[in-house]
Amino acid sequence: MRKIPFKAILLVGLIVLGIALKRLGIFDWYPYLHLAESYAHHWWFPLAIVLAKTILYTFALPGSIFYWVAGLVYPPLKATLIITLGGVTGAIAAFAFSQRMASGSMNKIGTSRFFRFIQGHSDFITLCAIRTLPTFPHSVINYGSGILHVPWRRFIFSTTIGFGVKGYLYASTIRHAALADEMSDCVSMETMLPFMILVLLFIAAKIFQRKYLQ
């Protein structure tokens, strides 16, 4: 019996709920969006996002909140650049940190089934694929690649591609949903295409976990 992709359903539900609450006049997120945008024009704000992501990823902490921050206040392409730059610099820092602190890093992730998968699948294509999957933990990829001495060039290029693809999909979905005034705006092809691809990635991640990690 296949498990239901709850994270994909949750993503759909959150977006639909947000639009419904706005249309009913219960919650209007535009004031909060405008507040965030009031800081977005400062030269230091994108750098602050990149720095925060770098610090969090270095110490194996989640930085997914910055997908939302960048996606809400910047157009998709600029948000993707910020997300990718923060993700790559954080991944490189975590890679180097894990090599320096190999024993502590191994204690942190060595028992993870994701780490065991990376031990046998650290080629360029696989690293790109698992970096793109929404449910695969970045900390395990970063630390695992450092501990296993994955070549720098392979690690950096696969990380850039993975964060670029995932960052654009998240940023596009979040931005279009946040700016939608009518439900018809949400079902346009421009809005729905990255959203549908993102949902398919969630489903692919669930299938991947069932096939390779159990």
N, C-alpha and C. Protein backbone atom coordinates (compact mmCIF):
# COMPACT_ATOMS: atom_id res chain seq x y z
N MET A 1 0.83 -1.19 0.00
CA MET A 1 0.00 0.00 0.00
C MET A 1 0.87 1.26 0.00
N ARG A 2 0.67 2.14 -0.96
CA ARG A 2 1.49 3.32 -1.07
C ARG A 2 1.04 4.39 -0.08
N LYS A 3 2.03 5.08 0.48
CA LYS A 3 1.73 6.15 1.41
C LYS A 3 1.27 7.40 0.65
N ILE A 4 0.39 8.14 1.28
CA ILE A 4 -0.10 9.37 0.70
C ILE A 4 0.98 10.45 0.82
N PRO A 5 1.27 11.23 -0.26
CA PRO A 5 2.29 12.30 -0.17
C PRO A 5 1.77 13.48 0.64
N PHE A 6 1.82 13.37 1.96
CA PHE A 6 1.22 14.36 2.83
C PHE A 6 1.85 15.74 2.65
N LYS A 7 3.17 15.81 2.41
CA LYS A 7 3.81 17.12 2.28
C LYS A 7 3.32 17.85 1.04
N ALA A 8 3.10 17.13 -0.04
CA ALA A 8 2.56 17.76 -1.24
C ALA A 8 1.15 18.27 -0.98
N ILE A 9 0.34 17.46 -0.29
CA ILE A 9 -1.02 17.88 0.04
C ILE A 9 -1.01 19.09 0.96
N LEU A 10 -0.07 19.10 1.92
CA LEU A 10 0.05 20.23 2.84
C LEU A 10 0.40 21.50 2.09
N LEU A 11 1.32 21.41 1.13
CA LEU A 11 1.69 22.57 0.34
C LEU A 11 0.50 23.12 -0.42
N VAL A 12 -0.25 22.24 -1.07
CA VAL A 12 -1.45 22.66 -1.78
C VAL A 12 -2.43 23.32 -0.81
N GLY A 13 -2.62 22.67 0.33
CA GLY A 13 -3.58 23.18 1.31
C GLY A 13 -3.22 24.55 1.84
N LEU A 14 -1.95 24.79 2.10
CA LEU A 14 -1.52 26.09 2.63
C LEU A 14 -1.77 27.20 1.62
N ILE A 15 -1.47 26.95 0.37
CA ILE A 15 -1.67 27.97 -0.66
C ILE A 15 -3.15 28.25 -0.85
N VAL A 16 -3.96 27.20 -0.95
CA VAL A 16 -5.40 27.38 -1.12
C VAL A 16 -6.01 28.07 0.09
N LEU A 17 -5.56 27.68 1.29
CA LEU A 17 -6.07 28.30 2.51
C LEU A 17 -5.75 29.79 2.55
N GLY A 18 -4.51 30.13 2.19
CA GLY A 18 -4.12 31.53 2.20
C GLY A 18 -4.95 32.37 1.26
N ILE A 19 -5.21 31.84 0.07
CA ILE A 19 -6.02 32.58 -0.91
C ILE A 19 -7.46 32.71 -0.40
N ALA A 20 -7.99 31.62 0.15
CA ALA A 20 -9.37 31.64 0.66
C ALA A 20 -9.53 32.64 1.80
N LEU A 21 -8.58 32.66 2.74
CA LEU A 21 -8.66 33.59 3.87
C LEU A 21 -8.60 35.04 3.39
N LYS A 22 -7.77 35.29 2.38
CA LYS A 22 -7.70 36.65 1.85
C LYS A 22 -9.00 37.04 1.17
N ARG A 23 -9.57 36.14 0.37
CA ARG A 23 -10.80 36.45 -0.36
C ARG A 23 -11.97 36.65 0.60
N LEU A 24 -11.96 35.96 1.73
CA LEU A 24 -13.04 36.10 2.71
C LEU A 24 -12.83 37.29 3.64
N GLY A 25 -11.70 37.96 3.51
CA GLY A 25 -11.43 39.11 4.35
C GLY A 25 -11.00 38.77 5.76
N ILE A 26 -10.67 37.49 6.00
CA ILE A 26 -10.26 37.06 7.34
C ILE A 26 -8.80 37.41 7.59
N PHE A 27 -7.98 37.26 6.58
CA PHE A 27 -6.56 37.56 6.74
C PHE A 27 -6.05 38.14 5.43
N ASP A 28 -5.36 39.26 5.54
CA ASP A 28 -4.77 39.92 4.38
C ASP A 28 -3.27 40.01 4.60
N TRP A 29 -2.51 39.28 3.78
CA TRP A 29 -1.07 39.26 3.99
C TRP A 29 -0.34 40.36 3.24
N TYR A 30 -1.07 41.20 2.47
CA TYR A 30 -0.41 42.27 1.74
C TYR A 30 0.34 43.25 2.64
N PRO A 31 -0.23 43.67 3.80
CA PRO A 31 0.54 44.58 4.67
C PRO A 31 1.89 43.99 5.09
N TYR A 32 1.90 42.68 5.37
CA TYR A 32 3.15 42.03 5.77
C TYR A 32 4.11 41.93 4.59
N LEU A 33 3.55 41.69 3.41
CA LEU A 33 4.36 41.64 2.20
C LEU A 33 4.98 43.01 1.93
N HIS A 34 4.16 44.06 2.06
CA HIS A 34 4.68 45.41 1.82
C HIS A 34 5.72 45.79 2.87
N LEU A 35 5.54 45.33 4.11
CA LEU A 35 6.52 45.60 5.15
C LEU A 35 7.87 44.97 4.80
N ALA A 36 7.82 43.71 4.37
CA ALA A 36 9.06 43.05 3.97
C ALA A 36 9.68 43.73 2.76
N GLU A 37 8.84 44.14 1.82
CA GLU A 37 9.34 44.80 0.62
C GLU A 37 9.96 46.16 0.92
N SER A 38 9.54 46.77 2.03
CA SER A 38 10.12 48.06 2.40
C SER A 38 11.59 47.93 2.75
N TYR A 39 12.03 46.74 3.12
CA TYR A 39 13.45 46.49 3.39
C TYR A 39 14.17 45.91 2.18
N ALA A 40 13.41 45.40 1.23
CA ALA A 40 14.02 44.64 0.13
C ALA A 40 14.91 45.49 -0.75
N HIS A 41 14.66 46.80 -0.83
CA HIS A 41 15.45 47.64 -1.73
C HIS A 41 16.82 47.97 -1.15
N HIS A 42 17.02 47.73 0.15
CA HIS A 42 18.33 47.99 0.74
C HIS A 42 19.35 46.97 0.22
N TRP A 43 20.56 47.46 -0.05
CA TRP A 43 21.58 46.59 -0.63
C TRP A 43 21.93 45.44 0.29
N TRP A 44 21.76 45.63 1.60
CA TRP A 44 22.20 44.63 2.56
C TRP A 44 21.17 43.53 2.80
N PHE A 45 19.92 43.75 2.38
CA PHE A 45 18.88 42.76 2.70
C PHE A 45 19.11 41.42 2.00
N PRO A 46 19.39 41.39 0.69
CA PRO A 46 19.70 40.09 0.07
C PRO A 46 20.93 39.43 0.68
N LEU A 47 21.94 40.25 1.01
CA LEU A 47 23.15 39.70 1.63
C LEU A 47 22.85 39.11 3.00
N ALA A 48 21.91 39.74 3.72
CA ALA A 48 21.53 39.22 5.03
C ALA A 48 20.87 37.84 4.89
N ILE A 49 20.03 37.68 3.86
CA ILE A 49 19.40 36.38 3.62
C ILE A 49 20.46 35.33 3.29
N VAL A 50 21.39 35.69 2.41
CA VAL A 50 22.46 34.77 2.03
C VAL A 50 23.30 34.38 3.24
N LEU A 51 23.65 35.37 4.06
CA LEU A 51 24.47 35.11 5.24
C LEU A 51 23.73 34.21 6.22
N ALA A 52 22.44 34.48 6.43
CA ALA A 52 21.66 33.66 7.37
C ALA A 52 21.58 32.21 6.89
N LYS A 53 21.33 32.01 5.58
CA LYS A 53 21.29 30.65 5.05
C LYS A 53 22.64 29.97 5.20
N THR A 54 23.71 30.71 4.96
CA THR A 54 25.05 30.14 5.07
C THR A 54 25.32 29.65 6.48
N ILE A 55 25.00 30.48 7.46
CA ILE A 55 25.24 30.10 8.85
C ILE A 55 24.41 28.89 9.25
N LEU A 56 23.14 28.89 8.88
CA LEU A 56 22.27 27.78 9.25
C LEU A 56 22.73 26.47 8.63
N TYR A 57 23.04 26.49 7.33
CA TYR A 57 23.46 25.26 6.66
C TYR A 57 24.81 24.77 7.16
N THR A 58 25.68 25.70 7.55
CA THR A 58 27.00 25.30 8.06
C THR A 58 26.87 24.38 9.26
N PHE A 59 25.90 24.68 10.11
CA PHE A 59 25.73 23.91 11.35
C PHE A 59 24.53 22.95 11.28
N ALA A 60 24.19 22.55 10.05
CA ALA A 60 23.15 21.53 9.81
C ALA A 60 21.79 21.94 10.37
N LEU A 61 21.47 23.24 10.29
CA LEU A 61 20.18 23.74 10.74
C LEU A 61 19.31 24.05 9.52
N PRO A 62 17.98 23.93 9.66
CA PRO A 62 17.10 24.17 8.51
C PRO A 62 17.04 25.64 8.12
N GLY A 63 17.06 25.89 6.81
CA GLY A 63 16.97 27.27 6.31
C GLY A 63 15.84 27.47 5.33
N SER A 64 14.83 26.59 5.39
CA SER A 64 13.75 26.64 4.42
C SER A 64 12.92 27.91 4.51
N ILE A 65 12.90 28.57 5.66
CA ILE A 65 12.12 29.78 5.83
C ILE A 65 12.54 30.85 4.83
N PHE A 66 13.80 30.81 4.40
CA PHE A 66 14.30 31.86 3.50
C PHE A 66 13.84 31.64 2.06
N TYR A 67 13.34 30.44 1.74
CA TYR A 67 12.65 30.28 0.46
C TYR A 67 11.44 31.20 0.44
N TRP A 68 10.72 31.24 1.56
CA TRP A 68 9.51 32.06 1.66
C TRP A 68 9.85 33.55 1.69
N VAL A 69 10.87 33.91 2.47
CA VAL A 69 11.25 35.32 2.57
C VAL A 69 11.64 35.87 1.20
N ALA A 70 12.56 35.19 0.52
CA ALA A 70 13.01 35.64 -0.79
C ALA A 70 11.89 35.57 -1.81
N GLY A 71 11.09 34.50 -1.77
CA GLY A 71 10.00 34.33 -2.73
C GLY A 71 8.92 35.38 -2.60
N LEU A 72 8.69 35.87 -1.39
CA LEU A 72 7.65 36.86 -1.17
C LEU A 72 8.06 38.28 -1.58
N VAL A 73 9.31 38.63 -1.36
CA VAL A 73 9.70 40.04 -1.53
C VAL A 73 10.44 40.32 -2.84
N TYR A 74 10.85 39.28 -3.56
CA TYR A 74 11.58 39.51 -4.80
C TYR A 74 10.93 38.76 -5.95
N PRO A 75 11.10 39.24 -7.19
CA PRO A 75 10.64 38.49 -8.36
C PRO A 75 11.33 37.13 -8.40
N PRO A 76 10.72 36.14 -9.06
CA PRO A 76 11.26 34.77 -9.02
C PRO A 76 12.73 34.63 -9.40
N LEU A 77 13.17 35.32 -10.45
CA LEU A 77 14.56 35.15 -10.88
C LEU A 77 15.54 35.70 -9.84
N LYS A 78 15.24 36.88 -9.28
CA LYS A 78 16.12 37.44 -8.26
C LYS A 78 16.08 36.60 -6.99
N ALA A 79 14.87 36.13 -6.63
CA ALA A 79 14.75 35.27 -5.46
C ALA A 79 15.53 33.98 -5.65
N THR A 80 15.49 33.43 -6.85
CA THR A 80 16.23 32.20 -7.14
C THR A 80 17.73 32.42 -6.98
N LEU A 81 18.22 33.57 -7.46
CA LEU A 81 19.64 33.89 -7.32
C LEU A 81 20.04 33.96 -5.85
N ILE A 82 19.20 34.60 -5.02
CA ILE A 82 19.49 34.73 -3.59
C ILE A 82 19.46 33.37 -2.91
N ILE A 83 18.42 32.58 -3.22
CA ILE A 83 18.28 31.25 -2.62
C ILE A 83 19.46 30.36 -3.01
N THR A 84 19.83 30.40 -4.29
CA THR A 84 20.92 29.56 -4.77
C THR A 84 22.25 29.97 -4.17
N LEU A 85 22.51 31.28 -4.13
CA LEU A 85 23.78 31.76 -3.57
C LEU A 85 23.89 31.39 -2.09
N GLY A 86 22.81 31.60 -1.34
CA GLY A 86 22.83 31.23 0.07
C GLY A 86 22.98 29.74 0.28
N GLY A 87 22.29 28.96 -0.55
CA GLY A 87 22.38 27.51 -0.43
C GLY A 87 23.77 26.98 -0.77
N VAL A 88 24.36 27.53 -1.84
CA VAL A 88 25.68 27.05 -2.27
C VAL A 88 26.76 27.44 -1.26
N THR A 89 26.74 28.70 -0.81
CA THR A 89 27.76 29.11 0.17
C THR A 89 27.60 28.34 1.48
N GLY A 90 26.36 28.10 1.89
CA GLY A 90 26.14 27.30 3.09
C GLY A 90 26.59 25.87 2.92
N ALA A 91 26.34 25.31 1.72
CA ALA A 91 26.75 23.93 1.45
C ALA A 91 28.27 23.81 1.45
N ILE A 92 28.94 24.78 0.84
CA ILE A 92 30.41 24.73 0.82
C ILE A 92 30.97 24.85 2.23
N ALA A 93 30.39 25.76 3.03
CA ALA A 93 30.85 25.91 4.41
C ALA A 93 30.63 24.64 5.21
N ALA A 94 29.47 24.00 5.01
CA ALA A 94 29.19 22.74 5.71
C ALA A 94 30.11 21.63 5.25
N PHE A 95 30.39 21.60 3.95
CA PHE A 95 31.31 20.62 3.38
C PHE A 95 32.69 20.73 4.05
N ALA A 96 33.20 21.97 4.11
CA ALA A 96 34.51 22.18 4.72
C ALA A 96 34.48 21.90 6.22
N PHE A 97 33.40 22.30 6.86
CA PHE A 97 33.27 22.10 8.30
C PHE A 97 33.23 20.61 8.64
N SER A 98 32.54 19.84 7.83
CA SER A 98 32.42 18.41 8.09
C SER A 98 33.76 17.70 7.90
N GLN A 99 34.56 18.17 6.96
CA GLN A 99 35.88 17.57 6.78
C GLN A 99 36.79 17.86 7.95
N ARG A 100 36.66 19.07 8.49
CA ARG A 100 37.50 19.46 9.63
C ARG A 100 37.07 18.76 10.91
N MET A 101 35.75 18.56 11.03
CA MET A 101 35.20 17.97 12.24
C MET A 101 34.57 16.62 11.91
N ALA A 102 35.31 15.77 11.23
CA ALA A 102 34.75 14.54 10.67
C ALA A 102 34.11 13.65 11.72
N SER A 103 34.73 13.50 12.86
CA SER A 103 34.20 12.58 13.87
C SER A 103 32.87 13.09 14.42
N GLY A 104 32.78 14.38 14.68
CA GLY A 104 31.53 14.93 15.19
C GLY A 104 30.43 14.89 14.15
N SER A 105 30.80 15.15 12.90
CA SER A 105 29.82 15.09 11.82
C SER A 105 29.30 13.67 11.63
N MET A 106 30.21 12.70 11.74
CA MET A 106 29.81 11.30 11.57
C MET A 106 28.84 10.90 12.66
N ASN A 107 29.07 11.36 13.88
CA ASN A 107 28.14 11.06 14.96
C ASN A 107 26.77 11.65 14.69
N LYS A 108 26.74 12.77 13.99
CA LYS A 108 25.49 13.47 13.73
C LYS A 108 24.65 12.79 12.66
N ILE A 109 25.31 12.32 11.58
CA ILE A 109 24.54 11.81 10.45
C ILE A 109 24.89 10.38 10.07
N GLY A 110 25.89 9.78 10.71
CA GLY A 110 26.39 8.48 10.28
C GLY A 110 25.36 7.38 10.31
N THR A 111 24.37 7.48 11.18
CA THR A 111 23.34 6.44 11.27
C THR A 111 22.16 6.70 10.36
N SER A 112 22.18 7.81 9.63
CA SER A 112 21.05 8.17 8.77
C SER A 112 21.02 7.29 7.52
N ARG A 113 19.84 6.86 7.13
CA ARG A 113 19.72 6.06 5.92
C ARG A 113 20.04 6.91 4.69
N PHE A 114 19.83 8.24 4.79
CA PHE A 114 20.19 9.12 3.69
C PHE A 114 21.71 9.10 3.48
N PHE A 115 22.46 9.11 4.59
CA PHE A 115 23.93 9.08 4.49
C PHE A 115 24.38 7.77 3.86
N ARG A 116 23.77 6.69 4.25
CA ARG A 116 24.15 5.39 3.67
C ARG A 116 23.88 5.37 2.17
N PHE A 117 22.83 6.07 1.75
CA PHE A 117 22.54 6.15 0.33
C PHE A 117 23.64 6.93 -0.39
N ILE A 118 24.07 8.06 0.18
CA ILE A 118 25.11 8.87 -0.43
C ILE A 118 26.41 8.10 -0.54
N GLN A 119 26.68 7.22 0.44
CA GLN A 119 27.89 6.41 0.39
C GLN A 119 27.99 5.61 -0.91
N GLY A 120 26.86 5.17 -1.40
CA GLY A 120 26.88 4.36 -2.62
C GLY A 120 26.44 5.09 -3.87
N HIS A 121 25.99 6.36 -3.73
CA HIS A 121 25.45 7.09 -4.88
C HIS A 121 25.89 8.55 -4.80
N SER A 122 27.16 8.82 -5.09
CA SER A 122 27.66 10.20 -5.01
C SER A 122 28.12 10.71 -6.37
N ASP A 123 27.56 10.15 -7.46
CA ASP A 123 27.88 10.65 -8.79
C ASP A 123 27.16 11.97 -9.04
N PHE A 124 27.54 12.68 -10.08
CA PHE A 124 27.02 14.03 -10.36
C PHE A 124 25.50 14.03 -10.56
N ILE A 125 25.00 13.12 -11.38
CA ILE A 125 23.56 13.10 -11.70
C ILE A 125 22.73 12.83 -10.44
N THR A 126 23.15 11.88 -9.64
CA THR A 126 22.40 11.55 -8.43
C THR A 126 22.43 12.70 -7.44
N LEU A 127 23.59 13.35 -7.29
CA LEU A 127 23.67 14.48 -6.37
C LEU A 127 22.75 15.61 -6.82
N CYS A 128 22.67 15.87 -8.12
CA CYS A 128 21.74 16.88 -8.64
C CYS A 128 20.30 16.50 -8.31
N ALA A 129 19.98 15.23 -8.54
CA ALA A 129 18.60 14.78 -8.34
C ALA A 129 18.17 14.87 -6.89
N ILE A 130 19.00 14.37 -5.97
CA ILE A 130 18.59 14.35 -4.57
C ILE A 130 18.61 15.76 -3.98
N ARG A 131 19.46 16.65 -4.52
CA ARG A 131 19.46 18.04 -4.05
C ARG A 131 18.16 18.73 -4.44
N THR A 132 17.57 18.31 -5.55
CA THR A 132 16.33 18.93 -6.02
C THR A 132 15.11 18.42 -5.26
N LEU A 133 15.16 17.19 -4.76
CA LEU A 133 14.00 16.62 -4.08
C LEU A 133 13.67 17.40 -2.81
N PRO A 134 12.40 17.78 -2.63
CA PRO A 134 12.04 18.63 -1.49
C PRO A 134 12.26 18.00 -0.12
N THR A 135 12.20 16.68 -0.01
CA THR A 135 12.26 16.06 1.31
C THR A 135 13.65 15.54 1.70
N PHE A 136 14.61 15.69 0.81
CA PHE A 136 15.95 15.17 1.12
C PHE A 136 16.70 16.22 1.92
N PRO A 137 17.22 15.89 3.11
CA PRO A 137 17.85 16.89 3.99
C PRO A 137 19.18 17.40 3.43
N HIS A 138 19.29 18.72 3.28
CA HIS A 138 20.52 19.31 2.75
C HIS A 138 21.72 19.04 3.66
N SER A 139 21.48 19.01 4.97
CA SER A 139 22.60 18.81 5.90
C SER A 139 23.29 17.48 5.66
N VAL A 140 22.52 16.44 5.34
CA VAL A 140 23.11 15.13 5.09
C VAL A 140 23.93 15.15 3.81
N ILE A 141 23.43 15.83 2.77
CA ILE A 141 24.19 15.92 1.52
C ILE A 141 25.49 16.68 1.76
N ASN A 142 25.39 17.82 2.47
CA ASN A 142 26.58 18.65 2.71
C ASN A 142 27.62 17.94 3.56
N TYR A 143 27.19 17.44 4.70
CA TYR A 143 28.11 16.77 5.61
C TYR A 143 28.59 15.45 5.02
N GLY A 144 27.66 14.69 4.43
CA GLY A 144 28.03 13.40 3.86
C GLY A 144 29.04 13.55 2.75
N SER A 145 28.85 14.55 1.89
CA SER A 145 29.79 14.77 0.79
C SER A 145 31.17 15.15 1.31
N GLY A 146 31.21 15.95 2.39
CA GLY A 146 32.49 16.32 2.98
C GLY A 146 33.20 15.13 3.59
N ILE A 147 32.46 14.33 4.35
CA ILE A 147 33.04 13.16 5.01
C ILE A 147 33.54 12.14 3.99
N LEU A 148 32.78 12.00 2.89
CA LEU A 148 33.13 11.01 1.87
C LEU A 148 34.11 11.57 0.84
N HIS A 149 34.51 12.83 0.99
CA HIS A 149 35.47 13.47 0.09
C HIS A 149 35.00 13.44 -1.36
N VAL A 150 33.73 13.81 -1.55
CA VAL A 150 33.23 13.99 -2.91
C VAL A 150 34.03 15.11 -3.57
N PRO A 151 34.44 15.00 -4.82
CA PRO A 151 35.23 16.05 -5.47
C PRO A 151 34.54 17.42 -5.41
N TRP A 152 35.31 18.46 -5.14
CA TRP A 152 34.76 19.80 -4.97
C TRP A 152 33.93 20.24 -6.17
N ARG A 153 34.49 20.05 -7.36
CA ARG A 153 33.80 20.53 -8.56
C ARG A 153 32.45 19.86 -8.72
N ARG A 154 32.41 18.56 -8.53
CA ARG A 154 31.14 17.83 -8.64
C ARG A 154 30.14 18.31 -7.59
N PHE A 155 30.62 18.51 -6.37
CA PHE A 155 29.75 18.95 -5.28
C PHE A 155 29.18 20.34 -5.56
N ILE A 156 30.01 21.29 -5.97
CA ILE A 156 29.56 22.66 -6.17
C ILE A 156 28.61 22.76 -7.35
N PHE A 157 28.92 22.11 -8.48
CA PHE A 157 28.05 22.18 -9.64
C PHE A 157 26.69 21.53 -9.38
N SER A 158 26.69 20.37 -8.75
CA SER A 158 25.42 19.70 -8.46
C SER A 158 24.60 20.50 -7.46
N THR A 159 25.26 21.12 -6.49
CA THR A 159 24.56 21.95 -5.51
C THR A 159 23.93 23.16 -6.17
N THR A 160 24.67 23.80 -7.08
CA THR A 160 24.15 24.98 -7.78
C THR A 160 22.93 24.62 -8.61
N ILE A 161 23.01 23.52 -9.33
CA ILE A 161 21.87 23.10 -10.16
C ILE A 161 20.67 22.76 -9.28
N GLY A 162 20.91 22.00 -8.21
CA GLY A 162 19.81 21.59 -7.34
C GLY A 162 19.11 22.77 -6.69
N PHE A 163 19.88 23.69 -6.11
CA PHE A 163 19.28 24.86 -5.48
C PHE A 163 18.64 25.78 -6.50
N GLY A 164 19.23 25.87 -7.69
CA GLY A 164 18.64 26.72 -8.72
C GLY A 164 17.27 26.24 -9.16
N VAL A 165 17.16 24.95 -9.42
CA VAL A 165 15.88 24.38 -9.85
C VAL A 165 14.84 24.48 -8.74
N LYS A 166 15.20 24.01 -7.56
CA LYS A 166 14.25 24.03 -6.45
C LYS A 166 13.90 25.48 -6.04
N GLY A 167 14.92 26.33 -6.02
CA GLY A 167 14.69 27.73 -5.63
C GLY A 167 13.72 28.42 -6.57
N TYR A 168 13.87 28.19 -7.88
CA TYR A 168 12.97 28.84 -8.84
C TYR A 168 11.54 28.33 -8.68
N LEU A 169 11.39 27.03 -8.49
CA LEU A 169 10.05 26.47 -8.34
C LEU A 169 9.36 27.02 -7.09
N TYR A 170 10.08 27.04 -5.98
CA TYR A 170 9.50 27.58 -4.74
C TYR A 170 9.21 29.07 -4.89
N ALA A 171 10.18 29.83 -5.39
CA ALA A 171 10.01 31.28 -5.50
C ALA A 171 8.85 31.63 -6.42
N SER A 172 8.73 30.94 -7.55
CA SER A 172 7.64 31.22 -8.49
C SER A 172 6.29 30.89 -7.87
N THR A 173 6.20 29.73 -7.24
CA THR A 173 4.94 29.31 -6.62
C THR A 173 4.52 30.28 -5.53
N ILE A 174 5.44 30.63 -4.65
CA ILE A 174 5.13 31.51 -3.52
C ILE A 174 4.76 32.90 -4.00
N ARG A 175 5.53 33.45 -4.93
CA ARG A 175 5.28 34.80 -5.41
C ARG A 175 3.94 34.92 -6.10
N HIS A 176 3.64 33.99 -7.01
CA HIS A 176 2.38 34.05 -7.73
C HIS A 176 1.19 33.88 -6.79
N ALA A 177 1.33 32.98 -5.83
CA ALA A 177 0.24 32.77 -4.87
C ALA A 177 0.02 34.00 -4.00
N ALA A 178 1.13 34.66 -3.60
CA ALA A 178 1.02 35.83 -2.73
C ALA A 178 0.37 37.01 -3.43
N LEU A 179 0.60 37.15 -4.75
CA LEU A 179 0.09 38.30 -5.48
C LEU A 179 -1.25 38.05 -6.16
N ALA A 180 -1.79 36.85 -6.00
CA ALA A 180 -3.05 36.51 -6.66
C ALA A 180 -4.22 37.23 -5.99
N ASP A 181 -4.99 37.98 -6.78
CA ASP A 181 -6.19 38.65 -6.27
C ASP A 181 -7.43 37.78 -6.47
N GLU A 182 -7.42 37.02 -7.52
CA GLU A 182 -8.56 36.17 -7.86
C GLU A 182 -8.10 34.74 -8.00
N MET A 183 -9.03 33.81 -7.79
CA MET A 183 -8.68 32.40 -7.96
C MET A 183 -8.25 32.12 -9.39
N SER A 184 -8.79 32.89 -10.35
CA SER A 184 -8.40 32.69 -11.74
C SER A 184 -6.93 33.01 -11.96
N ASP A 185 -6.39 33.95 -11.14
CA ASP A 185 -4.96 34.26 -11.25
C ASP A 185 -4.12 33.07 -10.84
N CYS A 186 -4.64 32.26 -9.94
CA CYS A 186 -3.88 31.13 -9.42
C CYS A 186 -3.88 29.94 -10.37
N VAL A 187 -4.87 29.87 -11.24
CA VAL A 187 -4.97 28.71 -12.13
C VAL A 187 -4.43 29.01 -13.51
N SER A 188 -3.77 30.15 -13.69
CA SER A 188 -3.13 30.44 -14.96
C SER A 188 -1.94 29.51 -15.15
N MET A 189 -1.55 29.28 -16.39
CA MET A 189 -0.45 28.37 -16.69
C MET A 189 0.85 28.87 -16.07
N GLU A 190 1.06 30.21 -16.07
CA GLU A 190 2.28 30.77 -15.51
C GLU A 190 2.41 30.44 -14.03
N THR A 191 1.28 30.43 -13.32
CA THR A 191 1.30 30.13 -11.89
C THR A 191 1.35 28.64 -11.63
N MET A 192 0.57 27.88 -12.38
CA MET A 192 0.38 26.47 -12.08
C MET A 192 1.55 25.59 -12.51
N LEU A 193 2.28 25.98 -13.56
CA LEU A 193 3.33 25.10 -14.06
C LEU A 193 4.41 24.83 -13.01
N PRO A 194 5.03 25.87 -12.40
CA PRO A 194 6.03 25.55 -11.36
C PRO A 194 5.41 24.84 -10.17
N PHE A 195 4.15 25.18 -9.87
CA PHE A 195 3.47 24.53 -8.76
C PHE A 195 3.28 23.05 -9.02
N MET A 196 2.85 22.69 -10.23
CA MET A 196 2.64 21.28 -10.57
C MET A 196 3.96 20.52 -10.58
N ILE A 197 5.02 21.15 -11.07
CA ILE A 197 6.33 20.50 -11.07
C ILE A 197 6.78 20.26 -9.64
N LEU A 198 6.53 21.23 -8.75
CA LEU A 198 6.92 21.09 -7.35
C LEU A 198 6.17 19.94 -6.70
N VAL A 199 4.89 19.83 -6.96
CA VAL A 199 4.10 18.73 -6.41
C VAL A 199 4.62 17.39 -6.95
N LEU A 200 4.95 17.34 -8.23
CA LEU A 200 5.50 16.10 -8.81
C LEU A 200 6.83 15.73 -8.14
N LEU A 201 7.62 16.74 -7.78
CA LEU A 201 8.87 16.46 -7.08
C LEU A 201 8.62 15.88 -5.69
N PHE A 202 7.58 16.38 -5.01
CA PHE A 202 7.22 15.81 -3.72
C PHE A 202 6.85 14.32 -3.88
N ILE A 203 6.07 14.04 -4.90
CA ILE A 203 5.67 12.65 -5.14
C ILE A 203 6.88 11.80 -5.51
N ALA A 204 7.76 12.36 -6.36
CA ALA A 204 8.98 11.64 -6.73
C ALA A 204 9.85 11.38 -5.52
N ALA A 205 9.91 12.35 -4.60
CA ALA A 205 10.70 12.16 -3.38
C ALA A 205 10.16 11.02 -2.54
N LYS A 206 8.83 10.92 -2.45
CA LYS A 206 8.22 9.84 -1.67
C LYS A 206 8.51 8.48 -2.31
N ILE A 207 8.39 8.41 -3.64
CA ILE A 207 8.69 7.16 -4.35
C ILE A 207 10.16 6.80 -4.18
N PHE A 208 11.02 7.82 -4.27
CA PHE A 208 12.46 7.61 -4.11
C PHE A 208 12.78 7.04 -2.74
N GLN A 209 12.18 7.61 -1.71
CA GLN A 209 12.43 7.12 -0.36
C GLN A 209 11.97 5.69 -0.19
N ARG A 210 10.82 5.36 -0.76
CA ARG A 210 10.30 4.00 -0.62
C ARG A 210 11.19 3.00 -1.37
N LYS A 211 11.73 3.41 -2.52
CA LYS A 211 12.48 2.47 -3.36
C LYS A 211 13.92 2.29 -2.89
N TYR A 212 14.56 3.39 -2.45
CA TYR A 212 15.99 3.34 -2.19
C TYR A 212 16.39 3.42 -0.72
N LEU A 213 15.50 3.92 0.13
CA LEU A 213 15.91 4.19 1.50
C LEU A 213 15.24 3.31 2.54
N GLN A 214 14.50 2.32 2.11
CA GLN A 214 13.84 1.43 3.08
C GLN A 214 14.32 0.00 2.86
